[in-house]
Protein backbone atom coordinates (compact mmCIF):
# COMPACT_ATOMS: atom_id res chain seq x y z
CA GLN A 1 -148.14 -44.91 -62.58
CA VAL A 2 -147.78 -46.80 -59.33
CA GLN A 3 -150.72 -48.00 -57.29
CA LEU A 4 -150.15 -48.66 -53.60
CA VAL A 5 -152.29 -50.74 -51.26
CA GLU A 6 -151.61 -50.90 -47.52
CA SER A 7 -152.61 -53.77 -45.27
CA GLY A 8 -151.88 -55.09 -41.82
CA GLY A 9 -153.51 -52.47 -39.66
CA GLY A 10 -155.80 -53.34 -36.78
CA LEU A 11 -156.34 -53.18 -33.06
CA VAL A 12 -153.46 -54.00 -30.74
CA GLN A 13 -152.75 -53.55 -27.06
CA ALA A 14 -150.08 -51.14 -25.93
CA GLY A 15 -146.72 -52.85 -26.08
CA GLY A 16 -147.82 -55.07 -28.94
CA SER A 17 -146.63 -55.29 -32.53
CA LEU A 18 -148.01 -54.97 -36.03
CA ARG A 19 -146.46 -55.25 -39.46
CA LEU A 20 -147.86 -53.07 -42.18
CA SER A 21 -147.40 -53.99 -45.81
CA CYS A 22 -147.54 -51.80 -48.89
CA ALA A 23 -148.12 -53.68 -52.13
CA ALA A 24 -147.17 -51.81 -55.30
CA SER A 25 -148.38 -52.39 -58.83
CA GLY A 26 -148.34 -50.62 -62.17
CA GLY A 27 -144.68 -49.73 -62.16
CA THR A 28 -141.19 -50.96 -61.36
CA PHE A 29 -141.16 -50.76 -57.59
CA GLY A 30 -137.38 -50.61 -57.46
CA ASN A 31 -137.45 -47.23 -59.21
CA TYR A 32 -139.18 -45.61 -56.26
CA ALA A 33 -138.18 -44.42 -52.84
CA MET A 34 -140.86 -45.19 -50.29
CA GLY A 35 -142.14 -43.55 -47.19
CA TRP A 36 -144.63 -44.18 -44.42
CA PHE A 37 -146.70 -41.38 -42.95
CA ARG A 38 -149.48 -41.32 -40.40
CA GLN A 39 -152.37 -39.08 -39.54
CA ALA A 40 -154.22 -39.16 -36.26
CA ALA A 41 -157.69 -37.72 -35.90
CA GLY A 42 -157.54 -33.95 -35.80
CA LYS A 43 -153.83 -33.83 -36.51
CA GLU A 44 -151.66 -33.19 -39.52
CA ARG A 45 -150.08 -35.96 -41.52
CA GLU A 46 -146.64 -36.70 -40.15
CA PHE A 47 -143.56 -38.50 -41.38
CA VAL A 48 -142.80 -41.91 -39.89
CA ALA A 49 -140.05 -43.52 -41.95
CA ALA A 50 -138.48 -43.60 -45.41
CA ILE A 51 -136.36 -46.01 -47.39
CA SER A 52 -134.32 -45.57 -50.54
CA TRP A 53 -135.08 -47.32 -53.81
CA ASN A 54 -132.57 -50.09 -53.09
CA GLY A 55 -133.23 -50.38 -49.36
CA ARG A 56 -129.71 -49.34 -48.40
CA SER A 57 -130.72 -46.11 -46.71
CA THR A 58 -133.44 -45.65 -44.12
CA HIS A 59 -134.54 -42.84 -41.88
CA SER A 60 -137.13 -42.76 -39.11
CA ALA A 61 -138.79 -40.06 -37.09
CA ASP A 62 -137.43 -39.65 -33.58
CA SER A 63 -140.80 -40.62 -32.14
CA VAL A 64 -140.57 -44.13 -33.61
CA LYS A 65 -136.84 -44.69 -33.77
CA ASP A 66 -135.80 -47.99 -32.16
CA ARG A 67 -139.42 -49.20 -32.25
CA PHE A 68 -140.37 -49.12 -35.95
CA THR A 69 -138.38 -50.58 -38.83
CA ILE A 70 -138.95 -49.84 -42.49
CA SER A 71 -137.91 -52.36 -45.12
CA ARG A 72 -138.72 -53.42 -48.66
CA ASP A 73 -138.56 -56.42 -50.95
CA ASN A 74 -138.31 -55.20 -54.52
CA ALA A 75 -138.69 -58.72 -55.88
CA LYS A 76 -142.11 -58.84 -54.23
CA ASN A 77 -143.00 -55.22 -55.03
CA THR A 78 -143.76 -54.73 -51.37
CA GLY A 79 -142.68 -52.41 -48.60
CA TYR A 80 -143.06 -53.00 -44.89
CA LEU A 81 -143.27 -51.16 -41.62
CA GLN A 82 -142.60 -53.33 -38.58
CA MET A 83 -144.01 -51.62 -35.50
CA ASN A 84 -143.00 -52.86 -32.06
CA SER A 85 -143.69 -51.57 -28.56
CA LEU A 86 -146.73 -49.73 -29.79
CA LYS A 87 -148.07 -46.86 -27.73
CA PRO A 88 -151.53 -45.28 -27.68
CA GLU A 89 -150.06 -42.21 -29.33
CA ASP A 90 -149.09 -44.34 -32.34
CA ALA A 91 -152.77 -44.77 -33.20
CA ALA A 92 -153.47 -43.25 -36.61
CA VAL A 93 -154.21 -44.00 -40.21
CA TYR A 94 -150.95 -45.12 -41.77
CA TYR A 95 -150.18 -44.34 -45.39
CA CYS A 96 -147.43 -45.57 -47.65
CA ALA A 97 -146.14 -43.29 -50.35
CA ALA A 98 -143.69 -43.49 -53.24
CA ARG A 99 -141.64 -41.12 -55.34
CA TRP A 100 -139.55 -41.87 -58.39
CA SER A 101 -136.03 -41.48 -57.10
CA TYR A 102 -132.51 -42.87 -57.23
CA GLU A 103 -131.33 -40.38 -54.65
CA ALA A 104 -129.52 -41.48 -51.53
CA ARG A 105 -131.14 -38.55 -49.75
CA LEU A 106 -134.42 -39.49 -48.13
CA ARG A 107 -137.40 -37.13 -48.12
CA VAL A 108 -139.56 -36.51 -45.06
CA GLY A 109 -142.13 -34.10 -46.44
CA TRP A 110 -145.48 -35.53 -47.49
CA ASN A 111 -145.50 -33.29 -50.55
CA ASP A 112 -142.24 -34.87 -51.73
CA TYR A 113 -144.15 -38.04 -52.58
CA THR A 114 -146.19 -38.57 -55.70
CA TYR A 115 -148.14 -41.76 -55.13
CA TRP A 116 -150.20 -42.69 -52.08
CA GLY A 117 -152.13 -45.65 -50.78
CA GLN A 118 -155.57 -45.41 -49.26
CA GLY A 119 -154.33 -45.89 -45.70
CA THR A 120 -154.76 -48.53 -43.02
CA GLN A 121 -156.04 -47.87 -39.52
CA VAL A 122 -153.90 -48.69 -36.50
CA THR A 123 -155.60 -48.57 -33.11
CA VAL A 124 -153.67 -49.05 -29.88
CA SER A 125 -155.53 -49.71 -26.66
CA SER A 126 -154.01 -48.74 -23.34
């Protein structure tokens, strides 16, 4: 069973950048596809980005495309979400998630993922 711990959230001004990290333990990280989701207050959890087990395939939501980049380092058992040009509407709790998968197809539904971190808050001031 994989345990996930996010870090890197915080308060940033609009236009700024943050890099979120997702540290995995308890399993072979390279066996898992990974995703990032976010949930703003009063809203449903939404897909942000996903990456395949080997990092060769990525997919991002249209709302963050060209601003956010998902990546992973399997040797470090860590995934990342680089967030640039942040907007107030990006403010949310960000969650990383993992699912055991060697598929090339990337999943965007929150219920496709088995393991979840506790979340990290991102606040963007205007």
